[in-house]
Each structure stands twice: as structure tokens, then as C-alpha cells.
Amino acid sequence: MDQIKLAVLFQGMAQQWAQASSFCRDVETVMLDGCGQNAVGSLQGLDVLMQELAQMSALCLRLSRQSDVQRVTIASHEIEQVTLEHLRGMLKGHPVAPFAAADVELF
């Protein structure tokens, strides 16, 4: 059975949380441009979500740097069940080339 370092998993999670936060920021910009200032109140939930994603990213990165975490390996079979290839690769420490917005991944 394949093994993966827990620190690598945490690093991948940190990257994914940061990327999700960035995507949310892009969506917020598009929504503000399209709806104007009338949408500001409605987008407050998105701001909270971006803050939570940023905090989770920072937490995972800090966890990945802890010496006790760096010594732990785990079975990778649970990660293999992640159906999105780019996400599965990032979590295993093998990032896949970023996909274009027009690309659709079927699973």
C-alpha cells in the first residue's frame, strides 16, 4: 500500500485552500463588476468564506512544518478516492498542471 507523508498532505491542503480563496476573490470581483455596489451587502458571506479559507490554508501550512507531523506517514488509499485529478495530485505532493477555466473534468 502506498504511503504519503502527513506533512505533504497538509502542504497540499494549504495550497488548495489558498487557491479556493483566490477563486472566491475572482468571483467576488466579477459579481461586484456585474451588480455594482448594490451587491456589496449580499457578498459579505463571500468575504467570510475567503477569510475562513485563508485561515485554513495558514493552519495547514503551520501543521505541515511541525516536526512531529513531518515524521508521520499515512496510507494514501483515502486520497486515491478523491475524484478530481488536480486535487488528488496536489494532496499527494504531485501537482498536476493547472486546468483552464474551459476544461471540464468528468468523474
PDB file of N, CA and C in Angstrom:
ATOM      1  N   MET A   1       0.838  -1.178   0.000  1.00  0.00           N
ATOM      2  CA  MET A   1       0.000   0.000   0.000  1.00  0.00           C
ATOM      3  C   MET A   1       0.885   1.244   0.000  1.00  0.00           C
ATOM      4  N   ASP A   2       0.530   2.197  -0.819  1.00  0.00           N
ATOM      5  CA  ASP A   2       1.302   3.430  -0.906  1.00  0.00           C
ATOM      6  C   ASP A   2       1.150   4.261   0.364  1.00  0.00           C
ATOM      7  N   GLN A   3       2.227   4.943   0.708  1.00  0.00           N
ATOM      8  CA  GLN A   3       2.260   5.811   1.876  1.00  0.00           C
ATOM      9  C   GLN A   3       2.507   7.248   1.420  1.00  0.00           C
ATOM     10  N   ILE A   4       2.051   8.177   2.215  1.00  0.00           N
ATOM     11  CA  ILE A   4       2.289   9.595   1.938  1.00  0.00           C
ATOM     12  C   ILE A   4       2.633  10.266   3.265  1.00  0.00           C
ATOM     13  N   LYS A   5       3.534  11.210   3.213  1.00  0.00           N
ATOM     14  CA  LYS A   5       3.879  11.960   4.425  1.00  0.00           C
ATOM     15  C   LYS A   5       2.732  12.890   4.782  1.00  0.00           C
ATOM     16  N   LEU A   6       2.386  12.907   6.058  1.00  0.00           N
ATOM     17  CA  LEU A   6       1.306  13.770   6.526  1.00  0.00           C
ATOM     18  C   LEU A   6       1.622  15.237   6.235  1.00  0.00           C
ATOM     19  N   ALA A   7       2.877  15.611   6.345  1.00  0.00           N
ATOM     20  CA  ALA A   7       3.270  16.994   6.059  1.00  0.00           C
ATOM     21  C   ALA A   7       2.978  17.356   4.606  1.00  0.00           C
ATOM     22  N   VAL A   8       3.186  16.402   3.694  1.00  0.00           N
ATOM     23  CA  VAL A   8       2.901  16.652   2.273  1.00  0.00           C
ATOM     24  C   VAL A   8       1.401  16.857   2.070  1.00  0.00           C
ATOM     25  N   LEU A   9       0.599  16.048   2.750  1.00  0.00           N
ATOM     26  CA  LEU A   9      -0.850  16.208   2.665  1.00  0.00           C
ATOM     27  C   LEU A   9      -1.261  17.583   3.166  1.00  0.00           C
ATOM     28  N   PHE A  10      -0.731  17.996   4.312  1.00  0.00           N
ATOM     29  CA  PHE A  10      -1.056  19.325   4.844  1.00  0.00           C
ATOM     30  C   PHE A  10      -0.606  20.437   3.890  1.00  0.00           C
ATOM     31  N   GLN A  11       0.560  20.286   3.269  1.00  0.00           N
ATOM     32  CA  GLN A  11       1.018  21.289   2.308  1.00  0.00           C
ATOM     33  C   GLN A  11       0.071  21.376   1.115  1.00  0.00           C
ATOM     34  N   GLY A  12      -0.364  20.225   0.622  1.00  0.00           N
ATOM     35  CA  GLY A  12      -1.325  20.214  -0.481  1.00  0.00           C
ATOM     36  C   GLY A  12      -2.645  20.851  -0.099  1.00  0.00           C
ATOM     37  N   MET A  13      -3.092  20.567   1.122  1.00  0.00           N
ATOM     38  CA  MET A  13      -4.328  21.175   1.607  1.00  0.00           C
ATOM     39  C   MET A  13      -4.167  22.693   1.703  1.00  0.00           C
ATOM     40  N   ALA A  14      -3.030  23.138   2.182  1.00  0.00           N
ATOM     41  CA  ALA A  14      -2.782  24.578   2.293  1.00  0.00           C
ATOM     42  C   ALA A  14      -2.840  25.238   0.920  1.00  0.00           C
ATOM     43  N   GLN A  15      -2.233  24.597  -0.064  1.00  0.00           N
ATOM     44  CA  GLN A  15      -2.263  25.136  -1.426  1.00  0.00           C
ATOM     45  C   GLN A  15      -3.681  25.174  -1.967  1.00  0.00           C
ATOM     46  N   GLN A  16      -4.440  24.128  -1.718  1.00  0.00           N
ATOM     47  CA  GLN A  16      -5.809  24.071  -2.230  1.00  0.00           C
ATOM     48  C   GLN A  16      -6.695  25.110  -1.572  1.00  0.00           C
ATOM     49  N   TRP A  17      -6.565  25.273  -0.247  1.00  0.00           N
ATOM     50  CA  TRP A  17      -7.346  26.302   0.443  1.00  0.00           C
ATOM     51  C   TRP A  17      -7.008  27.685  -0.115  1.00  0.00           C
ATOM     52  N   ALA A  18      -5.717  27.951  -0.341  1.00  0.00           N
ATOM     53  CA  ALA A  18      -5.292  29.254  -0.874  1.00  0.00           C
ATOM     54  C   ALA A  18      -5.843  29.463  -2.277  1.00  0.00           C
ATOM     55  N   GLN A  19      -5.823  28.422  -3.085  1.00  0.00           N
ATOM     56  CA  GLN A  19      -6.350  28.527  -4.448  1.00  0.00           C
ATOM     57  C   GLN A  19      -7.859  28.776  -4.426  1.00  0.00           C
ATOM     58  N   ALA A  20      -8.565  28.093  -3.544  1.00  0.00           N
ATOM     59  CA  ALA A  20     -10.007  28.301  -3.427  1.00  0.00           C
ATOM     60  C   ALA A  20     -10.315  29.735  -3.005  1.00  0.00           C
ATOM     61  N   SER A  21      -9.515  30.271  -2.099  1.00  0.00           N
ATOM     62  CA  SER A  21      -9.690  31.655  -1.664  1.00  0.00           C
ATOM     63  C   SER A  21      -9.478  32.615  -2.827  1.00  0.00           C
ATOM     64  N   SER A  22      -8.473  32.337  -3.637  1.00  0.00           N
ATOM     65  CA  SER A  22      -8.196  33.173  -4.806  1.00  0.00           C
ATOM     66  C   SER A  22      -9.354  33.127  -5.803  1.00  0.00           C
ATOM     67  N   PHE A  23      -9.905  31.930  -6.029  1.00  0.00           N
ATOM     68  CA  PHE A  23     -11.053  31.801  -6.927  1.00  0.00           C
ATOM     69  C   PHE A  23     -12.243  32.596  -6.399  1.00  0.00           C
ATOM     70  N   CYS A  24     -12.465  32.552  -5.085  1.00  0.00           N
ATOM     71  CA  CYS A  24     -13.557  33.319  -4.488  1.00  0.00           C
ATOM     72  C   CYS A  24     -13.358  34.817  -4.690  1.00  0.00           C
ATOM     73  N   ARG A  25     -12.118  35.258  -4.558  1.00  0.00           N
ATOM     74  CA  ARG A  25     -11.806  36.670  -4.761  1.00  0.00           C
ATOM     75  C   ARG A  25     -12.133  37.077  -6.196  1.00  0.00           C
ATOM     76  N   ASP A  26     -11.802  36.205  -7.154  1.00  0.00           N
ATOM     77  CA  ASP A  26     -12.120  36.478  -8.560  1.00  0.00           C
ATOM     78  C   ASP A  26     -13.626  36.542  -8.780  1.00  0.00           C
ATOM     79  N   VAL A  27     -14.358  35.626  -8.159  1.00  0.00           N
ATOM     80  CA  VAL A  27     -15.819  35.610  -8.282  1.00  0.00           C
ATOM     81  C   VAL A  27     -16.406  36.874  -7.672  1.00  0.00           C
ATOM     82  N   GLU A  28     -15.875  37.280  -6.537  1.00  0.00           N
ATOM     83  CA  GLU A  28     -16.365  38.496  -5.898  1.00  0.00           C
ATOM     84  C   GLU A  28     -16.162  39.702  -6.814  1.00  0.00           C
ATOM     85  N   THR A  29     -15.011  39.779  -7.443  1.00  0.00           N
ATOM     86  CA  THR A  29     -14.724  40.888  -8.357  1.00  0.00           C
ATOM     87  C   THR A  29     -15.710  40.906  -9.519  1.00  0.00           C
ATOM     88  N   VAL A  30     -15.952  39.752 -10.112  1.00  0.00           N
ATOM     89  CA  VAL A  30     -16.888  39.660 -11.235  1.00  0.00           C
ATOM     90  C   VAL A  30     -18.293  40.061 -10.794  1.00  0.00           C
ATOM     91  N   MET A  31     -18.683  39.591  -9.631  1.00  0.00           N
ATOM     92  CA  MET A  31     -20.027  39.913  -9.136  1.00  0.00           C
ATOM     93  C   MET A  31     -20.166  41.404  -8.835  1.00  0.00           C
ATOM     94  N   LEU A  32     -19.146  41.989  -8.249  1.00  0.00           N
ATOM     95  CA  LEU A  32     -19.203  43.427  -7.972  1.00  0.00           C
ATOM     96  C   LEU A  32     -19.228  44.239  -9.269  1.00  0.00           C
ATOM     97  N   ASP A  33     -18.434  43.799 -10.256  1.00  0.00           N
ATOM     98  CA  ASP A  33     -18.433  44.493 -11.540  1.00  0.00           C
ATOM     99  C   ASP A  33     -19.790  44.385 -12.233  1.00  0.00           C
ATOM    100  N   GLY A  34     -20.415  43.223 -12.122  1.00  0.00           N
ATOM    101  CA  GLY A  34     -21.688  42.995 -12.801  1.00  0.00           C
ATOM    102  C   GLY A  34     -22.880  43.578 -12.078  1.00  0.00           C
ATOM    103  N   CYS A  35     -22.845  43.592 -10.765  1.00  0.00           N
ATOM    104  CA  CYS A  35     -24.006  44.020  -9.982  1.00  0.00           C
ATOM    105  C   CYS A  35     -23.829  45.391  -9.356  1.00  0.00           C
ATOM    106  N   GLY A  36     -22.618  45.871  -9.327  1.00  0.00           N
ATOM    107  CA  GLY A  36     -22.355  47.167  -8.729  1.00  0.00           C
ATOM    108  C   GLY A  36     -22.415  47.136  -7.217  1.00  0.00           C
ATOM    109  N   GLN A  37     -22.479  48.287  -6.637  1.00  0.00           N
ATOM    110  CA  GLN A  37     -22.460  48.418  -5.184  1.00  0.00           C
ATOM    111  C   GLN A  37     -23.721  47.870  -4.524  1.00  0.00           C
ATOM    112  N   ASN A  38     -24.765  47.609  -5.302  1.00  0.00           N
ATOM    113  CA  ASN A  38     -25.986  47.037  -4.733  1.00  0.00           C
ATOM    114  C   ASN A  38     -25.751  45.641  -4.175  1.00  0.00           C
ATOM    115  N   ALA A  39     -24.713  44.967  -4.661  1.00  0.00           N
ATOM    116  CA  ALA A  39     -24.449  43.588  -4.261  1.00  0.00           C
ATOM    117  C   ALA A  39     -23.519  43.491  -3.053  1.00  0.00           C
ATOM    118  N   VAL A  40     -22.988  44.608  -2.593  1.00  0.00           N
ATOM    119  CA  VAL A  40     -21.990  44.574  -1.524  1.00  0.00           C
ATOM    120  C   VAL A  40     -22.517  43.848  -0.292  1.00  0.00           C
ATOM    121  N   GLY A  41     -23.705  44.149   0.129  1.00  0.00           N
ATOM    122  CA  GLY A  41     -24.271  43.502   1.315  1.00  0.00           C
ATOM    123  C   GLY A  41     -24.451  42.012   1.121  1.00  0.00           C
ATOM    124  N   SER A  42     -24.845  41.630  -0.059  1.00  0.00           N
ATOM    125  CA  SER A  42     -25.061  40.214  -0.344  1.00  0.00           C
ATOM    126  C   SER A  42     -23.754  39.435  -0.409  1.00  0.00           C
ATOM    127  N   LEU A  43     -22.672  40.117  -0.661  1.00  0.00           N
ATOM    128  CA  LEU A  43     -21.384  39.445  -0.811  1.00  0.00           C
ATOM    129  C   LEU A  43     -20.607  39.328   0.501  1.00  0.00           C
ATOM    130  N   GLN A  44     -21.182  39.771   1.611  1.00  0.00           N
ATOM    131  CA  GLN A  44     -20.488  39.682   2.894  1.00  0.00           C
ATOM    132  C   GLN A  44     -20.189  38.236   3.262  1.00  0.00           C
ATOM    133  N   GLY A  45     -21.090  37.336   2.928  1.00  0.00           N
ATOM    134  CA  GLY A  45     -20.854  35.924   3.199  1.00  0.00           C
ATOM    135  C   GLY A  45     -19.650  35.397   2.449  1.00  0.00           C
ATOM    136  N   LEU A  46     -19.433  35.917   1.251  1.00  0.00           N
ATOM    137  CA  LEU A  46     -18.269  35.517   0.471  1.00  0.00           C
ATOM    138  C   LEU A  46     -16.978  36.003   1.123  1.00  0.00           C
ATOM    139  N   ASP A  47     -17.023  37.187   1.705  1.00  0.00           N
ATOM    140  CA  ASP A  47     -15.854  37.698   2.433  1.00  0.00           C
ATOM    141  C   ASP A  47     -15.510  36.806   3.622  1.00  0.00           C
ATOM    142  N   VAL A  48     -16.524  36.374   4.347  1.00  0.00           N
ATOM    143  CA  VAL A  48     -16.308  35.474   5.488  1.00  0.00           C
ATOM    144  C   VAL A  48     -15.701  34.164   4.991  1.00  0.00           C
ATOM    145  N   LEU A  49     -16.243  33.627   3.900  1.00  0.00           N
ATOM    146  CA  LEU A  49     -15.724  32.390   3.325  1.00  0.00           C
ATOM    147  C   LEU A  49     -14.254  32.544   2.934  1.00  0.00           C
ATOM    148  N   MET A  50     -13.891  33.659   2.315  1.00  0.00           N
ATOM    149  CA  MET A  50     -12.497  33.878   1.925  1.00  0.00           C
ATOM    150  C   MET A  50     -11.592  33.952   3.143  1.00  0.00           C
ATOM    151  N   GLN A  51     -12.056  34.579   4.216  1.00  0.00           N
ATOM    152  CA  GLN A  51     -11.263  34.650   5.445  1.00  0.00           C
ATOM    153  C   GLN A  51     -11.075  33.258   6.049  1.00  0.00           C
ATOM    154  N   GLU A  52     -12.142  32.449   6.027  1.00  0.00           N
ATOM    155  CA  GLU A  52     -12.043  31.090   6.553  1.00  0.00           C
ATOM    156  C   GLU A  52     -11.071  30.251   5.725  1.00  0.00           C
ATOM    157  N   LEU A  53     -11.135  30.374   4.415  1.00  0.00           N
ATOM    158  CA  LEU A  53     -10.225  29.631   3.539  1.00  0.00           C
ATOM    159  C   LEU A  53      -8.777  30.043   3.792  1.00  0.00           C
ATOM    160  N   ALA A  54      -8.541  31.329   3.956  1.00  0.00           N
ATOM    161  CA  ALA A  54      -7.191  31.818   4.228  1.00  0.00           C
ATOM    162  C   ALA A  54      -6.684  31.293   5.565  1.00  0.00           C
ATOM    163  N   GLN A  55      -7.560  31.266   6.587  1.00  0.00           N
ATOM    164  CA  GLN A  55      -7.169  30.752   7.895  1.00  0.00           C
ATOM    165  C   GLN A  55      -6.861  29.258   7.832  1.00  0.00           C
ATOM    166  N   MET A  56      -7.667  28.496   7.085  1.00  0.00           N
ATOM    167  CA  MET A  56      -7.422  27.057   6.946  1.00  0.00           C
ATOM    168  C   MET A  56      -6.113  26.799   6.206  1.00  0.00           C
ATOM    169  N   SER A  57      -5.829  27.602   5.203  1.00  0.00           N
ATOM    170  CA  SER A  57      -4.580  27.467   4.464  1.00  0.00           C
ATOM    171  C   SER A  57      -3.389  27.703   5.388  1.00  0.00           C
ATOM    172  N   ALA A  58      -3.455  28.774   6.164  1.00  0.00           N
ATOM    173  CA  ALA A  58      -2.362  29.095   7.086  1.00  0.00           C
ATOM    174  C   ALA A  58      -2.197  28.002   8.142  1.00  0.00           C
ATOM    175  N   LEU A  59      -3.307  27.480   8.655  1.00  0.00           N
ATOM    176  CA  LEU A  59      -3.244  26.417   9.651  1.00  0.00           C
ATOM    177  C   LEU A  59      -2.588  25.160   9.078  1.00  0.00           C
ATOM    178  N   CYS A  60      -3.002  24.747   7.899  1.00  0.00           N
ATOM    179  CA  CYS A  60      -2.419  23.547   7.284  1.00  0.00           C
ATOM    180  C   CYS A  60      -0.934  23.731   7.030  1.00  0.00           C
ATOM    181  N   LEU A  61      -0.535  24.915   6.609  1.00  0.00           N
ATOM    182  CA  LEU A  61       0.884  25.175   6.371  1.00  0.00           C
ATOM    183  C   LEU A  61       1.673  25.100   7.671  1.00  0.00           C
ATOM    184  N   ARG A  62       1.135  25.684   8.746  1.00  0.00           N
ATOM    185  CA  ARG A  62       1.811  25.601  10.048  1.00  0.00           C
ATOM    186  C   ARG A  62       1.906  24.155  10.520  1.00  0.00           C
ATOM    187  N   LEU A  63       0.827  23.399  10.354  1.00  0.00           N
ATOM    188  CA  LEU A  63       0.838  21.994  10.760  1.00  0.00           C
ATOM    189  C   LEU A  63       1.876  21.200   9.975  1.00  0.00           C
ATOM    190  N   SER A  64       2.023  21.500   8.689  1.00  0.00           N
ATOM    191  CA  SER A  64       2.978  20.758   7.861  1.00  0.00           C
ATOM    192  C   SER A  64       4.418  20.978   8.297  1.00  0.00           C
ATOM    193  N   ARG A  65       4.659  22.066   8.999  1.00  0.00           N
ATOM    194  CA  ARG A  65       6.025  22.403   9.423  1.00  0.00           C
ATOM    195  C   ARG A  65       6.376  21.862  10.810  1.00  0.00           C
ATOM    196  N   GLN A  66       5.428  21.289  11.511  1.00  0.00           N
ATOM    197  CA  GLN A  66       5.704  20.753  12.844  1.00  0.00           C
ATOM    198  C   GLN A  66       6.544  19.487  12.720  1.00  0.00           C
ATOM    199  N   SER A  67       7.555  19.391  13.562  1.00  0.00           N
ATOM    200  CA  SER A  67       8.484  18.261  13.464  1.00  0.00           C
ATOM    201  C   SER A  67       7.809  16.917  13.690  1.00  0.00           C
ATOM    202  N   ASP A  68       6.857  16.849  14.607  1.00  0.00           N
ATOM    203  CA  ASP A  68       6.196  15.563  14.834  1.00  0.00           C
ATOM    204  C   ASP A  68       5.335  15.152  13.638  1.00  0.00           C
ATOM    205  N   VAL A  69       4.746  16.100  12.956  1.00  0.00           N
ATOM    206  CA  VAL A  69       3.951  15.808  11.760  1.00  0.00           C
ATOM    207  C   VAL A  69       4.853  15.343  10.630  1.00  0.00           C
ATOM    208  N   GLN A  70       6.039  15.907  10.517  1.00  0.00           N
ATOM    209  CA  GLN A  70       6.949  15.548   9.426  1.00  0.00           C
ATOM    210  C   GLN A  70       7.437  14.107   9.526  1.00  0.00           C
ATOM    211  N   ARG A  71       7.329  13.510  10.696  1.00  0.00           N
ATOM    212  CA  ARG A  71       7.758  12.116  10.864  1.00  0.00           C
ATOM    213  C   ARG A  71       6.649  11.105  10.588  1.00  0.00           C
ATOM    214  N   VAL A  72       5.432  11.566  10.399  1.00  0.00           N
ATOM    215  CA  VAL A  72       4.286  10.669  10.244  1.00  0.00           C
ATOM    216  C   VAL A  72       3.999  10.403   8.772  1.00  0.00           C
ATOM    217  N   THR A  73       3.773   9.127   8.456  1.00  0.00           N
ATOM    218  CA  THR A  73       3.271   8.767   7.130  1.00  0.00           C
ATOM    219  C   THR A  73       1.927   8.085   7.298  1.00  0.00           C
ATOM    220  N   ILE A  74       1.084   8.235   6.288  1.00  0.00           N
ATOM    221  CA  ILE A  74      -0.244   7.631   6.329  1.00  0.00           C
ATOM    222  C   ILE A  74      -0.481   6.885   5.023  1.00  0.00           C
ATOM    223  N   ALA A  75      -1.423   5.950   5.054  1.00  0.00           N
ATOM    224  CA  ALA A  75      -1.804   5.239   3.835  1.00  0.00           C
ATOM    225  C   ALA A  75      -2.510   6.212   2.901  1.00  0.00           C
ATOM    226  N   SER A  76      -2.219   6.108   1.632  1.00  0.00           N
ATOM    227  CA  SER A  76      -2.780   7.064   0.674  1.00  0.00           C
ATOM    228  C   SER A  76      -4.096   6.597   0.054  1.00  0.00           C
ATOM    229  N   HIS A  77      -4.655   5.467   0.520  1.00  0.00           N
ATOM    230  CA  HIS A  77      -5.856   4.948  -0.126  1.00  0.00           C
ATOM    231  C   HIS A  77      -7.050   5.891  -0.027  1.00  0.00           C
ATOM    232  N   GLU A  78      -7.166   6.664   1.026  1.00  0.00           N
ATOM    233  CA  GLU A  78      -8.270   7.621   1.140  1.00  0.00           C
ATOM    234  C   GLU A  78      -8.109   8.748   0.119  1.00  0.00           C
ATOM    235  N   ILE A  79      -6.886   9.179  -0.090  1.00  0.00           N
ATOM    236  CA  ILE A  79      -6.626  10.243  -1.067  1.00  0.00           C
ATOM    237  C   ILE A  79      -6.932   9.744  -2.475  1.00  0.00           C
ATOM    238  N   GLU A  80      -6.696   8.474  -2.720  1.00  0.00           N
ATOM    239  CA  GLU A  80      -6.976   7.902  -4.043  1.00  0.00           C
ATOM    240  C   GLU A  80      -8.455   7.982  -4.395  1.00  0.00           C
ATOM    241  N   GLN A  81      -9.317   8.129  -3.407  1.00  0.00           N
ATOM    242  CA  GLN A  81     -10.744   8.218  -3.666  1.00  0.00           C
ATOM    243  C   GLN A  81     -11.188   9.619  -4.070  1.00  0.00           C
ATOM    244  N   VAL A  82     -10.297  10.601  -3.981  1.00  0.00           N
ATOM    245  CA  VAL A  82     -10.606  11.957  -4.452  1.00  0.00           C
ATOM    246  C   VAL A  82     -10.688  11.885  -5.972  1.00  0.00           C
ATOM    247  N   THR A  83     -11.826  12.283  -6.522  1.00  0.00           N
ATOM    248  CA  THR A  83     -12.065  12.067  -7.946  1.00  0.00           C
ATOM    249  C   THR A  83     -11.485  13.144  -8.860  1.00  0.00           C
ATOM    250  N   LEU A  84     -11.169  14.302  -8.333  1.00  0.00           N
ATOM    251  CA  LEU A  84     -10.581  15.358  -9.159  1.00  0.00           C
ATOM    252  C   LEU A  84      -9.070  15.164  -9.223  1.00  0.00           C
ATOM    253  N   GLU A  85      -8.562  14.922 -10.417  1.00  0.00           N
ATOM    254  CA  GLU A  85      -7.151  14.575 -10.589  1.00  0.00           C
ATOM    255  C   GLU A  85      -6.216  15.661 -10.071  1.00  0.00           C
ATOM    256  N   HIS A  86      -6.521  16.927 -10.373  1.00  0.00           N
ATOM    257  CA  HIS A  86      -5.626  18.003  -9.938  1.00  0.00           C
ATOM    258  C   HIS A  86      -5.594  18.106  -8.408  1.00  0.00           C
ATOM    259  N   LEU A  87      -6.729  17.881  -7.767  1.00  0.00           N
ATOM    260  CA  LEU A  87      -6.777  17.933  -6.305  1.00  0.00           C
ATOM    261  C   LEU A  87      -6.052  16.738  -5.699  1.00  0.00           C
ATOM    262  N   ARG A  88      -6.298  15.565  -6.221  1.00  0.00           N
ATOM    263  CA  ARG A  88      -5.629  14.353  -5.733  1.00  0.00           C
ATOM    264  C   ARG A  88      -4.115  14.499  -5.874  1.00  0.00           C
ATOM    265  N   GLY A  89      -3.648  15.014  -7.016  1.00  0.00           N
ATOM    266  CA  GLY A  89      -2.215  15.214  -7.218  1.00  0.00           C
ATOM    267  C   GLY A  89      -1.624  16.201  -6.235  1.00  0.00           C
ATOM    268  N   MET A  90      -2.342  17.296  -5.986  1.00  0.00           N
ATOM    269  CA  MET A  90      -1.845  18.307  -5.053  1.00  0.00           C
ATOM    270  C   MET A  90      -1.742  17.730  -3.644  1.00  0.00           C
ATOM    271  N   LEU A  91      -2.725  16.937  -3.240  1.00  0.00           N
ATOM    272  CA  LEU A  91      -2.721  16.358  -1.901  1.00  0.00           C
ATOM    273  C   LEU A  91      -1.612  15.333  -1.722  1.00  0.00           C
ATOM    274  N   LYS A  92      -1.193  14.712  -2.816  1.00  0.00           N
ATOM    275  CA  LYS A  92      -0.124  13.721  -2.752  1.00  0.00           C
ATOM    276  C   LYS A  92       1.253  14.348  -2.978  1.00  0.00           C
ATOM    277  N   GLY A  93       1.290  15.652  -3.187  1.00  0.00           N
ATOM    278  CA  GLY A  93       2.559  16.337  -3.414  1.00  0.00           C
ATOM    279  C   GLY A  93       3.037  16.248  -4.848  1.00  0.00           C
ATOM    280  N   HIS A  94       2.137  15.921  -5.767  1.00  0.00           N
ATOM    281  CA  HIS A  94       2.457  15.825  -7.192  1.00  0.00           C
ATOM    282  C   HIS A  94       1.475  16.687  -7.967  1.00  0.00           C
ATOM    283  N   PRO A  95       1.652  18.012  -7.922  1.00  0.00           N
ATOM    284  CA  PRO A  95       0.691  18.889  -8.588  1.00  0.00           C
ATOM    285  C   PRO A  95       0.570  18.577 -10.078  1.00  0.00           C
ATOM    286  N   VAL A  96      -0.655  18.616 -10.539  1.00  0.00           N
ATOM    287  CA  VAL A  96      -0.959  18.439 -11.951  1.00  0.00           C
ATOM    288  C   VAL A  96      -1.048  19.830 -12.550  1.00  0.00           C
ATOM    289  N   ALA A  97      -0.698  19.973 -13.822  1.00  0.00           N
ATOM    290  CA  ALA A  97      -0.766  21.281 -14.485  1.00  0.00           C
ATOM    291  C   ALA A  97      -2.153  21.882 -14.265  1.00  0.00           C
ATOM    292  N   PRO A  98      -2.201  23.166 -13.978  1.00  0.00           N
ATOM    293  CA  PRO A  98      -3.496  23.814 -13.742  1.00  0.00           C
ATOM    294  C   PRO A  98      -4.397  23.645 -14.963  1.00  0.00           C
ATOM    295  N   PHE A  99      -5.674  23.533 -14.682  1.00  0.00           N
ATOM    296  CA  PHE A  99      -6.634  23.389 -15.765  1.00  0.00           C
ATOM    297  C   PHE A  99      -7.150  24.750 -16.164  1.00  0.00           C
ATOM    298  N   ALA A 100      -7.531  24.868 -17.421  1.00  0.00           N
ATOM    299  CA  ALA A 100      -8.107  26.115 -17.918  1.00  0.00           C
ATOM    300  C   ALA A 100      -9.568  26.180 -17.492  1.00  0.00           C
ATOM    301  N   ALA A 101     -10.101  27.374 -17.414  1.00  0.00           N
ATOM    302  CA  ALA A 101     -11.488  27.543 -16.985  1.00  0.00           C
ATOM    303  C   ALA A 101     -12.455  26.812 -17.911  1.00  0.00           C
ATOM    304  N   ALA A 102     -12.093  26.656 -19.165  1.00  0.00           N
ATOM    305  CA  ALA A 102     -12.976  25.989 -20.124  1.00  0.00           C
ATOM    306  C   ALA A 102     -12.898  24.470 -20.037  1.00  0.00           C
ATOM    307  N   ASP A 103     -11.880  23.939 -19.346  1.00  0.00           N
ATOM    308  CA  ASP A 103     -11.741  22.496 -19.211  1.00  0.00           C
ATOM    309  C   ASP A 103     -12.797  21.950 -18.249  1.00  0.00           C
ATOM    310  N   VAL A 104     -13.330  20.823 -18.593  1.00  0.00           N
ATOM    311  CA  VAL A 104     -14.300  20.158 -17.728  1.00  0.00           C
ATOM    312  C   VAL A 104     -13.764  18.783 -17.416  1.00  0.00           C
ATOM    313  N   GLU A 105     -13.736  18.444 -16.141  1.00  0.00           N
ATOM    314  CA  GLU A 105     -13.265  17.129 -15.742  1.00  0.00           C
ATOM    315  C   GLU A 105     -14.463  16.308 -15.315  1.00  0.00           C
ATOM    316  N   LEU A 106     -14.685  15.210 -16.009  1.00  0.00           N
ATOM    317  CA  LEU A 106     -15.790  14.322 -15.680  1.00  0.00           C
ATOM    318  C   LEU A 106     -15.320  13.272 -14.720  1.00  0.00           C
ATOM    319  N   PHE A 107     -16.139  12.951 -13.750  1.00  0.00           N
ATOM    320  CA  PHE A 107     -15.791  11.933 -12.778  1.00  0.00           C
ATOM    321  C   PHE A 107     -16.996  11.111 -12.425  1.00  0.00           C
TER     322      PHE A 107
END
